[in-house]
Each structure stands twice: as C-alpha cells, then as structure tokens.
Amino acid sequence: MQRIAHRDRSYERAMERAYIDELNQAYEAFFVNSDLPYNVLNIDTDNLNIISRPEDLALVETRIRQALKLVPFQESLPLTT
C-alpha cells in the first residue's frame, strides 16, 4: 500500500486494501500451486526499498544471480601502487 501511495497514480488512488490483498493472494496461489514449466523465484520485498536503498537492490540482484547460478557480481577494488 505504501508503494501504491508513493507512486501516486490516479487510477490506483481508489483501490481498496481488500482488493490489493485479494490480488496478492491470487498471485501467490497461481505461482505456488500451479505446475509451471519453469522455475519461479519468490523474493519477499515487503521490507525492501530498491529505489532509496541500494543495498536492497543489491540483495535482489544477488538472489537473481544465485537462482541463475551466475557468478556474483563484484565491482573492482581500487588498487594502490
């Protein structure tokens, strides 16, 4: 609900919390109970803010890289000579 309020889109302003909760439950049921031919990565973002906290975005990126079995990205360290 905070994200919806922060976006401040006119068509979202009248959405009731019950509708958002029902929509969330429908998504959860679909992805948890369906027999999808591909893997689904579920990341709980309730306490994350990828816009204002770079560390939260980095956490999401790390989880995606882990799921894809990619080498974790690490910026080069400054070398002193």
Protein backbone atom coordinates (compact mmCIF):
# COMPACT_ATOMS: atom_id res chain seq x y z
CA MET A 1 0.00 0.00 0.00
CA GLN A 2 2.93 2.34 0.69
CA ARG A 3 4.31 1.72 -2.79
CA ILE A 4 0.93 2.50 -4.33
CA ALA A 5 0.67 5.71 -2.32
CA HIS A 6 4.24 6.68 -3.23
CA ARG A 7 3.64 6.15 -6.96
CA ASP A 8 0.51 8.35 -6.70
CA ARG A 9 -1.06 7.09 -9.93
CA SER A 10 -4.55 8.46 -10.40
CA TYR A 11 -6.06 5.09 -11.35
CA GLU A 12 -4.64 3.47 -8.20
CA ARG A 13 -5.87 6.05 -5.71
CA ALA A 14 -9.30 4.46 -5.22
CA MET A 15 -8.03 0.89 -4.83
CA GLU A 16 -9.08 -0.60 -1.52
CA ARG A 17 -6.75 -2.63 0.64
CA ALA A 18 -9.09 -5.65 0.46
CA TYR A 19 -8.77 -5.68 -3.34
CA ILE A 20 -4.97 -5.49 -3.17
CA ASP A 21 -4.90 -8.30 -0.57
CA GLU A 22 -7.15 -10.46 -2.75
CA LEU A 23 -4.98 -9.79 -5.79
CA ASN A 24 -1.85 -10.69 -3.83
CA GLN A 25 -3.42 -13.96 -2.67
CA ALA A 26 -4.40 -14.82 -6.25
CA TYR A 27 -0.83 -14.29 -7.45
CA GLU A 28 0.53 -16.38 -4.59
CA ALA A 29 -1.91 -19.20 -5.30
CA PHE A 30 -1.10 -19.18 -9.00
CA PHE A 31 2.67 -19.34 -8.58
CA VAL A 32 2.71 -21.72 -5.62
CA ASN A 33 0.01 -24.17 -6.70
CA SER A 34 0.43 -24.27 -10.46
CA ASP A 35 2.57 -26.74 -12.33
CA LEU A 36 4.60 -24.22 -14.31
CA PRO A 37 7.19 -25.46 -16.83
CA TYR A 38 9.78 -23.07 -15.41
CA ASN A 39 11.14 -22.05 -12.03
CA VAL A 40 9.76 -19.04 -10.18
CA LEU A 41 11.96 -17.01 -7.87
CA ASN A 42 9.98 -15.63 -4.97
CA ILE A 43 11.57 -12.66 -3.18
CA ASP A 44 9.78 -11.14 -0.21
CA THR A 45 10.02 -7.40 -0.84
CA ASP A 46 7.75 -6.27 1.99
CA ASN A 47 10.66 -4.72 3.86
CA LEU A 48 12.77 -3.73 0.86
CA ASN A 49 13.01 -0.37 -0.87
CA ILE A 50 15.03 -0.82 -4.04
CA ILE A 51 14.54 2.83 -5.01
CA SER A 52 16.07 4.53 -1.96
CA ARG A 53 18.28 1.78 -0.54
CA PRO A 54 20.97 0.50 -2.92
CA GLU A 55 21.72 -2.39 -0.58
CA ASP A 56 18.16 -3.68 -1.08
CA LEU A 57 18.59 -3.59 -4.85
CA ALA A 58 21.91 -5.42 -4.44
CA LEU A 59 20.16 -8.10 -2.37
CA VAL A 60 17.57 -8.66 -5.11
CA GLU A 61 20.33 -8.80 -7.75
CA THR A 62 22.26 -11.34 -5.66
CA ARG A 63 19.19 -13.55 -5.25
CA ILE A 64 18.58 -13.49 -9.01
CA ARG A 65 22.23 -14.31 -9.73
CA GLN A 66 22.12 -17.18 -7.23
CA ALA A 67 18.97 -18.58 -8.82
CA LEU A 68 20.57 -18.41 -12.27
CA LYS A 69 23.80 -19.89 -10.88
CA LEU A 70 25.78 -16.87 -12.07
CA VAL A 71 28.99 -15.69 -10.50
CA PRO A 72 28.14 -12.90 -8.05
CA PHE A 73 28.97 -9.50 -9.44
CA GLN A 74 31.60 -7.58 -7.52
CA GLU A 75 32.99 -4.23 -8.51
CA SER A 76 36.73 -3.98 -8.92
CA LEU A 77 38.58 -2.88 -5.84
CA PRO A 78 40.77 0.20 -6.17
CA LEU A 79 44.40 -0.82 -6.42
CA THR A 80 47.05 1.16 -4.62
CA THR A 81 50.54 1.19 -6.02
